[in-house]
C-alpha cells in the first residue's frame, strides 16, 4: 500500500493518505469541509508534482473531470469537483469502498480459485453498461459527446463492497469537443488492452472500448493475462494477428456460449464485434444468470477482506474527525488561527439583534419616545392645579389615540407649567450594541465562473 503522507488542507477539502497510485496521479482518501458540520468521505486524485508543471497533463486531467461529470450512471465513478491550489491540481471523486478488479483477479489466482461465473457476469455487465452510458453521454445542449474511454483495463475498474462494478479514469478519453488533443503519433493507454485499430492509429469509436472490455472479461474468466510477451512488440503482434484462445481453455467450467460472446467482442474487425457495449452486456446476462449484488460484495470481501478492513478503519477515523468543531474553522480557512490555540479564535458574530426583533424593538422605542414627549404636559394627580380653560390637562389625548404629529408640534412651544407641577424625568436613550464589522468578501469562495458552453472557468487569482 502506498505510504502515509501528512494531512493537508485543500480549500474546502482535507487530503489524507494515498490508497492507490498510477502513472499520472495518486489517489488519496479525503473528506469535504462543509457548513453546519457537513462532511463526506471522498477520493481525491492528485496529479504527480512533476506533471503538474506540464500544461498538457493539466489539460488532460481537467478534461477527465469535465467529461466524467457529464456521465451519470451507477457503474461510473462520479466526479464531484476540481480543486487547484498551491500549484497542484486535484480531482474530487466519490469514494468507492472496494478494490480494483486487477487486484481481485490476482487474489483469486493466488488462491487458485476461478471467479464464480455469476459474479464474473455481474461485473462484466456492470463494466459494459457503464461504458455504454459514457458512449451515450451528451452536452447540456443535447449534443453527443462521442466519448471513447480508450484505457479500459482491470486497473480502471473498481468493484465495491456493495457488489457494484464502476469504471473510472477517463484521463485519456477522446471526445468530439475535447480541449486537449493527442500529440501526433502518440499512443495513450495500456497496450495489452488496445484494439487493433487503436494500435494502427486509425479512427476509434465505442467498439474500441468493447474490444478492451472483452480483454478484461477474458482475463477475469481465465484468471490470467490474455496478451503476454517479452516486450511490447510481441504484444502488438499478438493483437494484430488476433492470436486469442477461448477462455474455457484455462477455465473448463465456462459454458461454450460465454466463449463465443467474448471471442466476438475480441474480433479484430470492428464490424464483426458487438456494435454497442450494451448489446454485449445483454447477451452475457441472457446466457448466464448474474449474481446478486450481495453475492458479489461477499466475494469482494473474501478476496480483499484484510485490506478492506484496514481501509474501513481509516475511513472511520476520517469520519470521526469530521465531527470535531475544528472542521468549521478549517472551512473558513483558519488553519493558522487553529494552530495558535483556542484563545486565538475570534468570537463568533453576535446574533443578539436579528432583523425581526430589531424592528420590533425600534417600534417600541419610537412609541415610548412619543408618549414621553406628550406626557411632559401632563400634571400628576396629586398636584394641586387650578381647573381653568388654559389648563394643559384638557389638551392631552388618551394614550390609545395619541397623535404623534400633534404631540411633536405641541412640544415645540410648551406652555409654562404651574409652580406646583412636578417635572417628569428625562427621556431614557437606548444605546444599541455596536455592530460587528462585516467579514471581507472571499472572491475565491466560488473559484470559478460558468462559461457560455456551461463549463467551469477557474479564476486565475484563485489557482494558487
Protein backbone atom coordinates (compact mmCIF):
# COMPACT_ATOMS: atom_id res chain seq x y z
CA UNK A 1 0.00 0.00 0.00
CA UNK A 2 1.33 3.50 -0.77
CA UNK A 3 2.89 5.40 2.07
CA UNK A 4 1.19 7.62 4.59
CA UNK A 5 1.60 11.31 3.83
CA UNK A 6 0.73 14.17 6.13
CA UNK A 7 -2.74 15.64 6.25
CA UNK A 8 -3.24 18.72 4.07
CA UNK A 9 -5.99 21.30 3.69
CA UNK A 10 -7.14 21.97 0.13
CA UNK A 11 -9.59 24.85 0.22
CA UNK A 12 -12.79 23.02 1.29
CA UNK A 13 -11.26 19.53 1.35
CA UNK A 14 -8.87 17.63 3.63
CA UNK A 15 -6.31 15.34 1.98
CA UNK A 16 -5.26 12.16 3.80
CA UNK A 17 -3.08 9.14 2.98
CA UNK A 18 -2.78 7.70 -0.52
CA UNK A 19 -4.58 4.47 -1.32
CA UNK A 20 -3.57 3.93 -4.96
CA UNK A 21 -1.05 5.23 -7.48
CA UNK A 22 -0.87 5.27 -11.26
CA UNK A 23 1.33 6.66 -13.97
CA UNK A 24 -0.39 10.04 -13.95
CA UNK A 25 -1.79 10.59 -10.48
CA UNK A 26 -2.09 9.33 -6.92
CA UNK A 27 -5.48 8.67 -5.30
CA UNK A 28 -5.92 9.75 -1.68
CA UNK A 29 -8.62 9.43 0.92
CA UNK A 30 -10.18 12.78 1.72
CA UNK A 31 -13.24 14.47 3.10
CA UNK A 32 -15.23 17.61 2.49
CA UNK A 33 -15.36 20.57 4.89
CA UNK A 34 -18.93 21.83 4.73
CA UNK A 35 -21.11 24.30 6.59
CA UNK A 36 -23.14 23.23 9.64
CA UNK A 37 -20.84 20.26 10.25
CA UNK A 38 -21.50 18.63 6.85
CA UNK A 39 -18.80 16.11 5.95
CA UNK A 40 -18.35 13.36 3.38
CA UNK A 41 -15.53 10.95 2.64
CA UNK A 42 -14.26 11.30 -0.94
CA UNK A 43 -11.46 10.10 -3.17
CA UNK A 44 -9.00 12.78 -4.29
CA UNK A 45 -6.90 12.22 -7.40
CA UNK A 46 -3.67 14.23 -7.14
CA UNK A 47 -1.64 14.86 -10.28
CA UNK A 48 2.01 13.89 -9.79
CA UNK A 49 4.05 17.03 -8.92
CA UNK A 50 6.38 16.73 -11.93
CA UNK A 51 3.34 16.52 -14.23
CA UNK A 52 1.54 19.45 -12.62
CA UNK A 53 4.04 21.72 -14.39
CA UNK A 54 3.15 20.25 -17.80
CA UNK A 55 0.22 22.15 -19.39
CA UNK A 56 -0.71 19.10 -21.49
CA UNK A 57 -1.14 16.83 -18.49
CA UNK A 58 -3.02 19.51 -16.58
CA UNK A 59 -5.34 19.92 -19.55
CA UNK A 60 -5.81 16.14 -19.70
CA UNK A 61 -6.83 15.92 -16.06
CA UNK A 62 -9.24 18.83 -16.43
CA UNK A 63 -10.74 17.13 -19.47
CA UNK A 64 -11.22 13.95 -17.46
CA UNK A 65 -13.17 15.83 -14.82
CA UNK A 66 -15.23 17.76 -17.34
CA UNK A 67 -16.15 14.67 -19.35
CA UNK A 68 -16.78 12.37 -16.41
CA UNK A 69 -19.09 14.96 -14.85
CA UNK A 70 -21.40 14.54 -17.87
CA UNK A 71 -21.73 10.77 -17.31
CA UNK A 72 -24.36 9.90 -14.75
CA UNK A 73 -24.65 6.17 -14.16
CA UNK A 74 -24.28 3.77 -11.20
CA UNK A 75 -21.44 1.96 -12.99
CA UNK A 76 -19.30 5.10 -13.37
CA UNK A 77 -17.27 6.66 -10.55
CA UNK A 78 -18.78 10.13 -10.18
CA UNK A 79 -16.63 13.25 -10.45
CA UNK A 80 -17.60 15.84 -7.82
CA UNK A 81 -15.25 18.80 -8.19
CA UNK A 82 -11.84 20.10 -9.29
CA UNK A 83 -9.53 21.93 -6.87
CA UNK A 84 -6.44 23.92 -7.84
CA UNK A 85 -4.21 25.15 -5.02
CA UNK A 86 -0.53 25.62 -4.15
CA UNK A 87 0.49 24.90 -7.74
CA UNK A 88 -1.20 21.48 -7.77
CA UNK A 89 -4.35 20.10 -9.33
CA UNK A 90 -6.81 17.71 -7.69
CA UNK A 91 -9.93 15.91 -8.95
CA UNK A 92 -12.51 15.12 -6.27
CA UNK A 93 -14.37 11.85 -6.86
CA UNK A 94 -16.87 9.74 -4.98
CA UNK A 95 -15.21 7.28 -2.65
CA UNK A 96 -15.86 3.62 -3.52
CA UNK A 97 -15.23 1.20 -0.68
CA UNK A 98 -13.90 -1.72 -2.63
CA UNK A 99 -10.93 -2.98 -4.61
CA UNK A 100 -9.67 -2.75 -8.18
CA UNK A 101 -10.57 -5.64 -10.45
CA UNK A 102 -6.87 -6.15 -11.18
CA UNK A 103 -6.12 -6.90 -7.51
CA UNK A 104 -9.21 -9.08 -7.17
CA UNK A 105 -8.21 -11.21 -10.20
CA UNK A 106 -4.69 -11.53 -8.77
CA UNK A 107 -6.06 -12.51 -5.35
CA UNK A 108 -8.27 -15.21 -6.90
CA UNK A 109 -5.33 -16.56 -8.91
CA UNK A 110 -3.13 -16.64 -5.79
CA UNK A 111 -5.88 -18.58 -4.01
CA UNK A 112 -6.08 -20.91 -7.05
CA UNK A 113 -9.77 -20.10 -7.46
CA UNK A 114 -11.86 -19.25 -10.50
CA UNK A 115 -14.07 -16.19 -10.37
CA UNK A 116 -17.61 -17.60 -9.95
CA UNK A 117 -19.48 -17.38 -13.25
CA UNK A 118 -22.41 -15.38 -11.85
CA UNK A 119 -20.00 -12.92 -10.19
CA UNK A 120 -18.00 -12.57 -13.43
CA UNK A 121 -21.17 -11.90 -15.45
CA UNK A 122 -22.37 -9.25 -12.99
CA UNK A 123 -19.01 -7.46 -13.04
CA UNK A 124 -18.70 -7.73 -16.83
CA UNK A 125 -22.21 -6.42 -17.39
CA UNK A 126 -21.55 -3.53 -14.99
CA UNK A 127 -18.43 -2.53 -16.94
CA UNK A 128 -20.30 -2.68 -20.25
CA UNK A 129 -23.36 -0.77 -19.01
CA UNK A 130 -21.10 1.94 -17.59
CA UNK A 131 -19.22 2.26 -20.87
CA UNK A 132 -22.48 2.45 -22.78
CA UNK A 133 -23.58 5.34 -20.57
CA UNK A 134 -20.29 7.12 -21.40
CA UNK A 135 -20.74 6.48 -25.11
CA UNK A 136 -24.26 7.91 -24.96
CA UNK A 137 -23.36 11.00 -22.89
CA UNK A 138 -24.43 14.39 -24.23
CA UNK A 139 -23.67 18.02 -23.56
CA UNK A 140 -26.13 20.23 -21.72
CA UNK A 141 -27.43 21.22 -25.17
CA UNK A 142 -28.09 17.62 -26.18
CA UNK A 143 -25.07 17.28 -28.48
CA UNK A 144 -23.43 13.80 -28.36
CA UNK A 145 -20.02 13.95 -26.66
CA UNK A 146 -18.85 10.82 -28.52
CA UNK A 147 -16.70 9.77 -25.56
CA UNK A 148 -14.38 6.80 -26.03
CA UNK A 149 -12.56 5.74 -22.87
CA UNK A 150 -9.55 4.21 -24.71
CA UNK A 151 -7.99 2.93 -21.49
CA UNK A 152 -10.35 0.23 -20.20
CA UNK A 153 -8.34 -2.17 -18.06
CA UNK A 154 -8.72 -4.12 -14.78
CA UNK A 155 -6.86 -1.29 -13.01
CA UNK A 156 -9.56 1.16 -14.09
CA UNK A 157 -12.46 -0.90 -12.74
CA UNK A 158 -13.43 -0.68 -9.07
CA UNK A 159 -15.64 -3.39 -7.61
CA UNK A 160 -17.29 -2.11 -4.45
CA UNK A 161 -18.16 -3.98 -1.31
CA UNK A 162 -21.72 -3.13 -2.34
CA UNK A 163 -21.29 -5.50 -5.30
CA UNK A 164 -21.31 -2.80 -7.99
CA UNK A 165 -18.56 -2.53 -10.61
CA UNK A 166 -17.62 1.04 -11.60
CA UNK A 167 -15.44 2.32 -14.43
CA UNK A 168 -13.09 5.20 -13.63
CA UNK A 169 -10.25 7.27 -15.09
CA UNK A 170 -11.28 8.97 -18.28
CA UNK A 171 -7.86 10.66 -18.36
CA UNK A 172 -7.06 9.53 -21.90
CA UNK A 173 -10.62 9.60 -23.22
CA UNK A 174 -11.32 11.09 -26.62
CA UNK A 175 -14.36 13.26 -27.36
CA UNK A 176 -15.53 15.44 -30.22
CA UNK A 177 -15.48 18.56 -28.04
CA UNK A 178 -12.21 17.72 -26.26
CA UNK A 179 -9.93 20.64 -25.38
CA UNK A 180 -6.74 18.65 -25.03
CA UNK A 181 -5.61 16.87 -28.20
CA UNK A 182 -3.30 13.91 -28.56
CA UNK A 183 0.12 14.67 -29.98
CA UNK A 184 0.66 13.29 -33.45
CA UNK A 185 1.89 9.72 -33.40
CA UNK A 186 1.49 9.31 -29.63
CA UNK A 187 -0.18 6.22 -28.17
CA UNK A 188 -2.02 6.58 -24.87
CA UNK A 189 -3.31 3.77 -22.71
CA UNK A 190 -2.12 0.25 -21.88
CA UNK A 191 -1.01 -1.61 -25.00
CA UNK A 192 -2.20 -5.05 -23.83
CA UNK A 193 -5.81 -3.74 -23.82
CA UNK A 194 -5.73 -1.77 -27.08
CA UNK A 195 -7.82 -2.72 -30.08
CA UNK A 196 -6.06 -3.30 -33.42
CA UNK A 197 -7.41 -0.06 -34.90
CA UNK A 198 -6.06 1.86 -31.91
CA UNK A 199 -2.59 0.36 -32.41
CA UNK A 200 -2.74 1.28 -36.10
CA UNK A 201 -3.72 4.85 -35.12
CA UNK A 202 -6.91 4.53 -37.13
CA UNK A 203 -10.27 6.00 -36.14
CA UNK A 204 -11.50 4.77 -32.76
CA UNK A 205 -15.11 4.65 -31.59
CA UNK A 206 -17.23 2.86 -28.99
CA UNK A 207 -16.34 -0.52 -30.50
CA UNK A 208 -12.74 0.11 -29.42
CA UNK A 209 -13.94 0.13 -25.81
CA UNK A 210 -15.95 -3.05 -26.49
CA UNK A 211 -12.70 -4.76 -27.52
CA UNK A 212 -10.83 -3.57 -24.40
CA UNK A 213 -13.70 -4.63 -22.15
CA UNK A 214 -13.66 -8.07 -23.79
CA UNK A 215 -9.95 -8.42 -22.94
CA UNK A 216 -10.78 -7.58 -19.31
CA UNK A 217 -13.63 -10.10 -19.24
CA UNK A 218 -11.43 -12.78 -20.84
CA UNK A 219 -8.78 -12.28 -18.14
CA UNK A 220 -11.38 -12.32 -15.36
CA UNK A 221 -12.82 -15.62 -16.60
CA UNK A 222 -9.47 -17.28 -17.44
CA UNK A 223 -7.61 -15.96 -14.38
CA UNK A 224 -4.53 -14.93 -16.41
CA UNK A 225 -3.24 -12.29 -18.84
CA UNK A 226 -4.51 -12.58 -22.42
CA UNK A 227 -1.64 -10.91 -24.30
CA UNK A 228 1.76 -11.59 -22.80
CA UNK A 229 5.19 -11.36 -24.41
CA UNK A 230 8.78 -10.46 -23.64
CA UNK A 231 8.36 -6.95 -24.98
CA UNK A 232 5.71 -4.56 -26.28
CA UNK A 233 6.43 -5.51 -29.91
CA UNK A 234 5.44 -9.10 -29.16
CA UNK A 235 2.19 -7.95 -27.51
CA UNK A 236 1.35 -5.76 -30.51
CA UNK A 237 1.97 -8.67 -32.87
CA UNK A 238 -0.39 -10.95 -30.95
CA UNK A 239 -3.14 -8.33 -31.00
CA UNK A 240 -2.80 -7.52 -34.71
CA UNK A 241 -2.78 -11.21 -35.65
CA UNK A 242 -5.80 -11.97 -33.48
CA UNK A 243 -4.00 -14.76 -31.61
CA UNK A 244 -6.70 -15.47 -29.00
CA UNK A 245 -7.61 -18.75 -27.29
CA UNK A 246 -11.08 -19.25 -25.81
CA UNK A 247 -11.08 -18.58 -22.05
CA UNK A 248 -12.52 -22.05 -21.41
CA UNK A 249 -9.08 -23.45 -22.30
CA UNK A 250 -7.95 -22.24 -18.88
CA UNK A 251 -11.34 -22.41 -17.11
CA UNK A 252 -13.04 -25.60 -18.35
CA UNK A 253 -16.23 -24.92 -16.43
CA UNK A 254 -17.11 -21.94 -18.66
CA UNK A 255 -20.08 -22.54 -21.00
CA UNK A 256 -19.30 -22.55 -24.71
CA UNK A 257 -21.72 -19.69 -25.28
CA UNK A 258 -19.65 -17.48 -22.96
CA UNK A 259 -16.60 -18.31 -25.10
CA UNK A 260 -18.47 -17.24 -28.22
CA UNK A 261 -19.59 -13.92 -26.76
CA UNK A 262 -16.11 -12.99 -25.53
CA UNK A 263 -14.42 -14.02 -28.78
CA UNK A 264 -16.90 -11.93 -30.76
CA UNK A 265 -16.00 -8.93 -28.65
CA UNK A 266 -12.32 -9.63 -29.44
CA UNK A 267 -12.74 -9.82 -33.21
CA UNK A 268 -10.01 -7.77 -34.96
CA UNK A 269 -12.64 -6.40 -37.35
CA UNK A 270 -14.79 -3.74 -35.59
CA UNK A 271 -17.69 -4.53 -37.91
CA UNK A 272 -17.88 -8.09 -36.55
CA UNK A 273 -17.86 -7.10 -32.88
CA UNK A 274 -20.86 -6.05 -30.83
CA UNK A 275 -21.74 -2.61 -32.08
CA UNK A 276 -22.55 -1.32 -28.61
CA UNK A 277 -21.37 -2.25 -25.14
CA UNK A 278 -24.98 -2.62 -24.07
CA UNK A 279 -25.59 -5.33 -26.71
CA UNK A 280 -22.74 -7.40 -25.30
CA UNK A 281 -23.94 -6.91 -21.72
CA UNK A 282 -27.44 -8.11 -22.59
CA UNK A 283 -26.03 -11.19 -24.35
CA UNK A 284 -23.96 -12.14 -21.30
CA UNK A 285 -26.89 -11.65 -18.93
CA UNK A 286 -29.11 -13.80 -21.16
CA UNK A 287 -26.65 -16.71 -21.25
CA UNK A 288 -25.72 -16.90 -17.55
CA UNK A 289 -27.78 -15.53 -14.64
CA UNK A 290 -25.90 -12.64 -12.99
CA UNK A 291 -25.13 -12.93 -9.30
CA UNK A 292 -26.90 -10.62 -6.87
CA UNK A 293 -25.04 -7.58 -5.62
CA UNK A 294 -24.81 -9.11 -2.15
CA UNK A 295 -23.07 -12.18 -3.61
CA UNK A 296 -20.55 -10.04 -5.49
CA UNK A 297 -19.95 -7.99 -2.33
CA UNK A 298 -19.32 -11.14 -0.32
CA UNK A 299 -16.81 -12.35 -2.93
CA UNK A 300 -15.00 -8.99 -2.84
CA UNK A 301 -14.85 -9.15 0.96
CA UNK A 302 -13.39 -12.65 0.78
CA UNK A 303 -10.74 -11.72 -1.80
CA UNK A 304 -9.73 -8.40 -0.22
CA UNK A 305 -11.02 -8.73 3.32
CA UNK A 306 -7.93 -7.58 5.24
CA UNK A 307 -7.29 -4.55 3.02
CA UNK A 308 -10.93 -3.52 3.19
CA UNK A 309 -10.93 -3.81 6.99
CA UNK A 310 -7.84 -1.62 7.27
CA UNK A 311 -9.30 0.94 4.89
CA UNK A 312 -12.61 0.85 6.73
CA UNK A 313 -10.73 1.77 9.92
CA UNK A 314 -9.09 4.70 8.10
CA UNK A 315 -12.47 5.89 6.84
CA UNK A 316 -13.94 5.64 10.33
CA UNK A 317 -11.13 7.83 11.71
CA UNK A 318 -11.75 10.39 8.99
CA UNK A 319 -15.48 10.41 9.69
CA UNK A 320 -14.90 10.86 13.42
CA UNK A 321 -12.52 13.73 12.75
CA UNK A 322 -15.18 15.34 10.60
CA UNK A 323 -17.38 15.77 13.70
CA UNK A 324 -14.83 17.95 15.53
CA UNK A 325 -15.54 21.70 15.89
CA UNK A 326 -12.26 22.43 14.10
CA UNK A 327 -13.89 21.39 10.84
CA UNK A 328 -15.93 24.59 10.75
CA UNK A 329 -12.81 26.61 11.47
CA UNK A 330 -10.91 24.88 8.70
CA UNK A 331 -13.84 25.64 6.38
CA UNK A 332 -13.21 29.34 6.96
CA UNK A 333 -9.52 28.94 6.15
CA UNK A 334 -8.40 29.47 9.76
CA UNK A 335 -5.59 26.90 9.79
CA UNK A 336 -3.10 29.39 11.28
CA UNK A 337 -5.54 30.51 13.96
CA UNK A 338 -6.32 26.95 15.00
CA UNK A 339 -2.60 26.15 15.19
CA UNK A 340 -2.11 29.14 17.50
CA UNK A 341 -4.56 27.71 20.06
CA UNK A 342 -8.22 28.15 21.02
CA UNK A 343 -7.57 31.56 22.62
CA UNK A 344 -6.64 32.93 19.19
CA UNK A 345 -10.01 32.02 17.65
CA UNK A 346 -12.06 35.22 17.20
CA UNK A 347 -15.52 35.32 18.80
CA UNK A 348 -18.49 34.36 16.73
CA UNK A 349 -20.59 37.05 15.20
CA UNK A 350 -23.20 38.39 17.63
CA UNK A 351 -26.77 37.28 16.97
CA UNK A 352 -28.45 39.35 19.71
CA UNK A 353 -30.29 41.61 17.27
CA UNK A 354 -31.84 39.60 14.45
CA UNK A 355 -33.84 41.67 12.00
CA UNK A 356 -37.44 40.94 13.18
CA UNK A 357 -36.57 41.53 16.84
CA UNK A 358 -34.63 44.69 15.96
CA UNK A 359 -37.59 46.15 14.10
CA UNK A 360 -39.93 45.36 16.97
CA UNK A 361 -37.56 46.98 19.48
CA UNK A 362 -37.25 50.07 17.29
CA UNK A 363 -41.05 50.43 17.10
CA UNK A 364 -41.39 50.17 20.88
CA UNK A 365 -38.69 52.80 21.41
CA UNK A 366 -40.30 55.22 18.97
CA UNK A 367 -43.69 54.80 20.61
CA UNK A 368 -42.15 55.26 24.07
CA UNK A 369 -40.36 58.41 22.97
CA UNK A 370 -43.55 59.90 21.53
CA UNK A 371 -45.50 59.08 24.68
CA UNK A 372 -42.82 60.67 26.85
CA UNK A 373 -42.87 63.83 24.71
CA UNK A 374 -46.62 64.20 25.10
CA UNK A 375 -46.61 63.46 28.81
CA UNK A 376 -44.32 66.39 29.52
CA UNK A 377 -47.54 68.47 29.74
CA UNK A 378 -49.41 66.04 31.97
CA UNK A 379 -49.79 67.13 35.57
CA UNK A 380 -49.67 64.37 38.20
CA UNK A 381 -52.92 63.70 40.03
CA UNK A 382 -51.52 64.65 43.46
CA UNK A 383 -50.52 68.11 42.22
CA UNK A 384 -52.86 71.00 43.04
CA UNK A 385 -53.73 72.62 39.70
CA UNK A 386 -56.43 75.21 39.12
CA UNK A 387 -59.10 73.86 36.75
CA UNK A 388 -59.07 76.65 34.22
CA UNK A 389 -59.63 76.58 30.46
CA UNK A 390 -55.91 77.18 29.94
CA UNK A 391 -55.02 74.03 31.84
CA UNK A 392 -52.66 71.76 29.89
CA UNK A 393 -54.58 68.67 31.03
CA UNK A 394 -57.51 69.49 28.78
CA UNK A 395 -55.30 69.30 25.66
CA UNK A 396 -53.87 65.85 26.27
CA UNK A 397 -55.40 62.90 24.37
CA UNK A 398 -55.69 59.41 25.87
CA UNK A 399 -52.68 57.15 25.18
CA UNK A 400 -54.76 54.89 22.92
CA UNK A 401 -55.34 57.71 20.45
CA UNK A 402 -52.08 59.56 20.55
CA UNK A 403 -51.35 61.79 17.53
CA UNK A 404 -47.57 61.87 17.24
CA UNK A 405 -47.55 64.75 14.76
CA UNK A 406 -49.68 66.85 17.09
CA UNK A 407 -47.61 65.86 20.04
CA UNK A 408 -44.46 66.91 18.31
CA UNK A 409 -45.97 70.30 17.43
CA UNK A 410 -47.19 70.82 20.96
CA UNK A 411 -43.82 70.12 22.45
CA UNK A 412 -42.15 72.62 20.18
CA UNK A 413 -43.53 75.55 22.32
CA UNK A 414 -44.66 74.02 25.61
CA UNK A 415 -46.68 76.26 27.96
CA UNK A 416 -45.08 77.17 31.27
CA UNK A 417 -46.16 74.64 33.90
CA UNK A 418 -47.68 75.85 37.18
CA UNK A 419 -45.34 76.26 40.12
CA UNK A 420 -46.61 73.10 41.74
CA UNK A 421 -46.09 70.93 38.62
CA UNK A 422 -43.63 68.07 39.07
CA UNK A 423 -41.09 67.92 36.25
CA UNK A 424 -41.07 64.45 34.64
CA UNK A 425 -37.80 62.57 34.37
CA UNK A 426 -35.80 63.00 31.16
CA UNK A 427 -36.30 60.59 28.26
CA UNK A 428 -34.13 57.50 28.52
CA UNK A 429 -32.00 56.91 25.44
CA UNK A 430 -31.45 53.32 24.42
CA UNK A 431 -27.88 52.61 23.40
CA UNK A 432 -27.61 49.92 20.75
CA UNK A 433 -24.68 47.49 20.95
CA UNK A 434 -22.09 48.17 18.23
CA UNK A 435 -22.49 46.01 15.15
CA UNK A 436 -19.51 43.79 14.34
CA UNK A 437 -17.76 44.60 11.07
CA UNK A 438 -18.79 42.56 8.07
CA UNK A 439 -16.28 39.87 7.12
CA UNK A 440 -14.32 40.58 3.93
CA UNK A 441 -15.74 39.05 0.77
CA UNK A 442 -13.81 35.95 -0.29
CA UNK A 443 -13.61 36.12 -4.07
CA UNK A 444 -12.40 32.53 -4.15
CA UNK A 445 -15.32 31.11 -2.15
CA UNK A 446 -16.60 30.20 -5.62
CA UNK A 447 -13.31 29.87 -7.53
CA UNK A 448 -14.87 29.63 -10.96
CA UNK A 449 -17.40 31.16 -13.31
CA UNK A 450 -19.67 29.42 -15.78
CA UNK A 451 -18.66 29.83 -19.41
CA UNK A 452 -21.01 30.20 -22.38
CA UNK A 453 -20.74 26.45 -23.04
CA UNK A 454 -21.69 25.62 -19.46
CA UNK A 455 -18.15 24.62 -18.40
CA UNK A 456 -16.31 25.87 -15.31
CA UNK A 457 -13.74 28.63 -15.95
CA UNK A 458 -11.44 28.99 -12.96
CA UNK A 459 -10.35 32.44 -11.79
CA UNK A 460 -6.64 32.98 -12.24
CA UNK A 461 -6.09 34.57 -8.82
CA UNK A 462 -7.71 31.54 -7.16
CA UNK A 463 -5.32 28.99 -8.75
CA UNK A 464 -2.75 29.04 -6.02
